[in-house]
Amino acid sequence: NTQECEKYACCPLPPYLEESGCVVEEDDNAGRPLRDVCFHLLKLYSDRHYDLDQLLDPRSVTSDPLDYRLSWHLWEVLRALNYTHLVKQSQGVLNASYAAQLESEGLWEWAVFILLHEPDTQ
């Protein structure tokens, strides 16, 4: 029974934004607010067809939008649990981005391993 301006709890922000108070960070691409990865996992648990793009967005975990480490590993766990409704283009971006990140660190062998998970061989 509170008014819109008198919210009693902060939004579930990513860990790097928690200290900033009850602000809502907007996603530049789709206008969706940023939420913590745990929030997205709870939403996926309650709705099996929840949008995986939001869940796997690197900014739901880290302030570096090019850090795909956790996103890629989380996607592999979700795939093992038969969550397969991530668009192929998003899968390709996830694989290519993480492989590029590993290659830039000199870990090209692991980059090749990541690219072996690409569903579209072309």
C-alpha atoms as a PDB file:
ATOM      1  CA  ASN A   1       0.000   0.000   0.000  1.00  0.00           C
ATOM      2  CA  THR A   2       2.842   2.392  -0.652  1.00  0.00           C
ATOM      3  CA  GLN A   3       2.881   5.065  -3.284  1.00  0.00           C
ATOM      4  CA  GLU A   4       5.146   4.711  -6.306  1.00  0.00           C
ATOM      5  CA  CYS A   5       7.649   7.187  -4.854  1.00  0.00           C
ATOM      6  CA  GLU A   6       7.781   5.375  -1.485  1.00  0.00           C
ATOM      7  CA  LYS A   7       9.178   1.972  -2.394  1.00  0.00           C
ATOM      8  CA  TYR A   8      10.160  -0.146   0.578  1.00  0.00           C
ATOM      9  CA  ALA A   9      12.911  -2.136  -1.140  1.00  0.00           C
ATOM     10  CA  CYS A  10      15.563  -1.501  -3.746  1.00  0.00           C
ATOM     11  CA  CYS A  11      15.537  -3.196  -7.106  1.00  0.00           C
ATOM     12  CA  PRO A  12      17.692  -6.339  -7.355  1.00  0.00           C
ATOM     13  CA  LEU A  13      20.696  -4.615  -8.879  1.00  0.00           C
ATOM     14  CA  PRO A  14      23.896  -6.346 -10.016  1.00  0.00           C
ATOM     15  CA  PRO A  15      26.569  -6.547  -7.279  1.00  0.00           C
ATOM     16  CA  TYR A  16      28.638  -3.694  -8.707  1.00  0.00           C
ATOM     17  CA  LEU A  17      25.608  -1.355  -8.488  1.00  0.00           C
ATOM     18  CA  GLU A  18      24.347  -2.357  -5.022  1.00  0.00           C
ATOM     19  CA  GLU A  19      26.024   0.519  -3.192  1.00  0.00           C
ATOM     20  CA  SER A  20      24.479   3.109  -5.493  1.00  0.00           C
ATOM     21  CA  GLY A  21      21.081   3.041  -3.763  1.00  0.00           C
ATOM     22  CA  CYS A  22      17.657   2.579  -5.343  1.00  0.00           C
ATOM     23  CA  VAL A  23      18.510   3.749  -8.837  1.00  0.00           C
ATOM     24  CA  VAL A  24      17.418   1.929 -11.950  1.00  0.00           C
ATOM     25  CA  GLU A  25      20.108   1.549 -14.563  1.00  0.00           C
ATOM     26  CA  GLU A  26      18.594   1.377 -18.031  1.00  0.00           C
ATOM     27  CA  ASP A  27      19.882  -0.941 -20.717  1.00  0.00           C
ATOM     28  CA  ASP A  28      20.814   1.131 -23.774  1.00  0.00           C
ATOM     29  CA  ASN A  29      19.766  -1.587 -26.228  1.00  0.00           C
ATOM     30  CA  ALA A  30      16.227  -2.492 -25.224  1.00  0.00           C
ATOM     31  CA  GLY A  31      15.292  -0.025 -22.493  1.00  0.00           C
ATOM     32  CA  ARG A  32      15.093  -2.823 -19.909  1.00  0.00           C
ATOM     33  CA  PRO A  33      16.400  -2.136 -16.424  1.00  0.00           C
ATOM     34  CA  LEU A  34      19.500  -4.022 -15.317  1.00  0.00           C
ATOM     35  CA  ARG A  35      18.873  -6.725 -12.724  1.00  0.00           C
ATOM     36  CA  ASP A  36      21.082  -9.118 -10.802  1.00  0.00           C
ATOM     37  CA  VAL A  37      21.759 -12.518 -12.371  1.00  0.00           C
ATOM     38  CA  CYS A  38      20.173 -14.216  -9.329  1.00  0.00           C
ATOM     39  CA  PHE A  39      16.949 -12.306  -9.997  1.00  0.00           C
ATOM     40  CA  HIS A  40      16.951 -13.582 -13.576  1.00  0.00           C
ATOM     41  CA  LEU A  41      17.559 -17.148 -12.398  1.00  0.00           C
ATOM     42  CA  LEU A  42      14.561 -16.905 -10.064  1.00  0.00           C
ATOM     43  CA  LYS A  43      12.446 -15.569 -12.940  1.00  0.00           C
ATOM     44  CA  LEU A  44      13.618 -18.471 -15.120  1.00  0.00           C
ATOM     45  CA  TYR A  45      12.666 -20.900 -12.353  1.00  0.00           C
ATOM     46  CA  SER A  46       9.158 -19.452 -12.189  1.00  0.00           C
ATOM     47  CA  ASP A  47       8.789 -19.158 -15.980  1.00  0.00           C
ATOM     48  CA  ARG A  48      10.660 -21.761 -18.018  1.00  0.00           C
ATOM     49  CA  HIS A  49      10.436 -19.553 -21.131  1.00  0.00           C
ATOM     50  CA  TYR A  50      11.896 -16.430 -19.528  1.00  0.00           C
ATOM     51  CA  ASP A  51      14.105 -14.351 -21.846  1.00  0.00           C
ATOM     52  CA  LEU A  52      17.621 -15.793 -21.648  1.00  0.00           C
ATOM     53  CA  ASP A  53      19.201 -12.732 -23.267  1.00  0.00           C
ATOM     54  CA  GLN A  54      18.585 -10.740 -20.075  1.00  0.00           C
ATOM     55  CA  LEU A  55      19.928 -13.552 -17.901  1.00  0.00           C
ATOM     56  CA  LEU A  56      23.116 -13.975 -19.942  1.00  0.00           C
ATOM     57  CA  ASP A  57      23.864 -10.264 -20.306  1.00  0.00           C
ATOM     58  CA  PRO A  58      27.371  -9.757 -18.838  1.00  0.00           C
ATOM     59  CA  ARG A  59      26.236  -6.535 -17.161  1.00  0.00           C
ATOM     60  CA  SER A  60      23.950  -8.533 -14.845  1.00  0.00           C
ATOM     61  CA  VAL A  61      27.168  -9.780 -13.201  1.00  0.00           C
ATOM     62  CA  THR A  62      29.987  -7.339 -13.906  1.00  0.00           C
ATOM     63  CA  SER A  63      30.461  -3.723 -14.902  1.00  0.00           C
ATOM     64  CA  ASP A  64      32.533  -4.825 -17.923  1.00  0.00           C
ATOM     65  CA  PRO A  65      30.082  -5.425 -20.789  1.00  0.00           C
ATOM     66  CA  LEU A  66      32.739  -7.439 -22.651  1.00  0.00           C
ATOM     67  CA  ASP A  67      33.392  -9.971 -19.872  1.00  0.00           C
ATOM     68  CA  TYR A  68      31.560 -13.096 -21.026  1.00  0.00           C
ATOM     69  CA  ARG A  69      33.157 -15.609 -18.640  1.00  0.00           C
ATOM     70  CA  LEU A  70      30.235 -16.239 -16.308  1.00  0.00           C
ATOM     71  CA  SER A  71      27.639 -15.740 -19.037  1.00  0.00           C
ATOM     72  CA  TRP A  72      29.127 -18.467 -21.222  1.00  0.00           C
ATOM     73  CA  HIS A  73      29.519 -20.958 -18.375  1.00  0.00           C
ATOM     74  CA  LEU A  74      26.013 -20.217 -17.141  1.00  0.00           C
ATOM     75  CA  TRP A  75      24.668 -20.808 -20.651  1.00  0.00           C
ATOM     76  CA  GLU A  76      26.399 -24.210 -20.770  1.00  0.00           C
ATOM     77  CA  VAL A  77      24.797 -25.172 -17.440  1.00  0.00           C
ATOM     78  CA  LEU A  78      21.389 -24.036 -18.675  1.00  0.00           C
ATOM     79  CA  ARG A  79      21.823 -26.011 -21.888  1.00  0.00           C
ATOM     80  CA  ALA A  80      22.611 -29.099 -19.836  1.00  0.00           C
ATOM     81  CA  LEU A  81      19.321 -28.495 -18.005  1.00  0.00           C
ATOM     82  CA  ASN A  82      17.460 -28.422 -21.374  1.00  0.00           C
ATOM     83  CA  TYR A  83      16.912 -24.676 -21.585  1.00  0.00           C
ATOM     84  CA  THR A  84      17.302 -24.315 -25.317  1.00  0.00           C
ATOM     85  CA  HIS A  85      15.284 -21.213 -26.203  1.00  0.00           C
ATOM     86  CA  LEU A  86      18.235 -18.864 -26.691  1.00  0.00           C
ATOM     87  CA  VAL A  87      18.257 -17.514 -30.258  1.00  0.00           C
ATOM     88  CA  LYS A  88      21.082 -18.928 -32.420  1.00  0.00           C
ATOM     89  CA  GLN A  89      22.385 -15.427 -33.090  1.00  0.00           C
ATOM     90  CA  SER A  90      22.702 -14.817 -29.338  1.00  0.00           C
ATOM     91  CA  GLN A  91      24.450 -18.163 -28.933  1.00  0.00           C
ATOM     92  CA  GLY A  92      26.896 -17.163 -31.658  1.00  0.00           C
ATOM     93  CA  VAL A  93      27.565 -13.798 -30.030  1.00  0.00           C
ATOM     94  CA  LEU A  94      28.125 -15.487 -26.673  1.00  0.00           C
ATOM     95  CA  ASN A  95      30.548 -18.043 -28.112  1.00  0.00           C
ATOM     96  CA  ALA A  96      32.439 -15.598 -30.332  1.00  0.00           C
ATOM     97  CA  SER A  97      32.717 -12.944 -27.620  1.00  0.00           C
ATOM     98  CA  TYR A  98      34.048 -15.344 -25.008  1.00  0.00           C
ATOM     99  CA  ALA A  99      36.466 -16.886 -27.528  1.00  0.00           C
ATOM    100  CA  ALA A 100      37.735 -13.411 -28.469  1.00  0.00           C
ATOM    101  CA  GLN A 101      38.158 -12.581 -24.786  1.00  0.00           C
ATOM    102  CA  LEU A 102      40.219 -15.728 -24.231  1.00  0.00           C
ATOM    103  CA  GLU A 103      42.277 -15.156 -27.361  1.00  0.00           C
ATOM    104  CA  SER A 104      43.109 -11.604 -26.280  1.00  0.00           C
ATOM    105  CA  GLU A 105      44.497 -13.074 -23.056  1.00  0.00           C
ATOM    106  CA  GLY A 106      46.723 -15.458 -25.039  1.00  0.00           C
ATOM    107  CA  LEU A 107      44.555 -18.502 -24.279  1.00  0.00           C
ATOM    108  CA  TRP A 108      43.878 -19.424 -27.894  1.00  0.00           C
ATOM    109  CA  GLU A 109      43.595 -23.158 -27.097  1.00  0.00           C
ATOM    110  CA  TRP A 110      40.622 -22.408 -24.846  1.00  0.00           C
ATOM    111  CA  ALA A 111      39.203 -20.063 -27.471  1.00  0.00           C
ATOM    112  CA  VAL A 112      39.182 -22.973 -29.923  1.00  0.00           C
ATOM    113  CA  PHE A 113      37.452 -25.127 -27.294  1.00  0.00           C
ATOM    114  CA  ILE A 114      34.758 -22.469 -26.881  1.00  0.00           C
ATOM    115  CA  LEU A 115      34.242 -22.197 -30.631  1.00  0.00           C
ATOM    116  CA  LEU A 116      33.717 -25.946 -30.821  1.00  0.00           C
ATOM    117  CA  HIS A 117      30.430 -25.300 -28.970  1.00  0.00           C
ATOM    118  CA  GLU A 118      29.107 -23.175 -31.838  1.00  0.00           C
ATOM    119  CA  PRO A 119      25.799 -24.725 -32.998  1.00  0.00           C
ATOM    120  CA  ASP A 120      26.016 -23.254 -36.519  1.00  0.00           C
ATOM    121  CA  THR A 121      29.116 -24.674 -38.208  1.00  0.00           C
ATOM    122  CA  GLN A 122      28.913 -22.158 -41.046  1.00  0.00           C
END
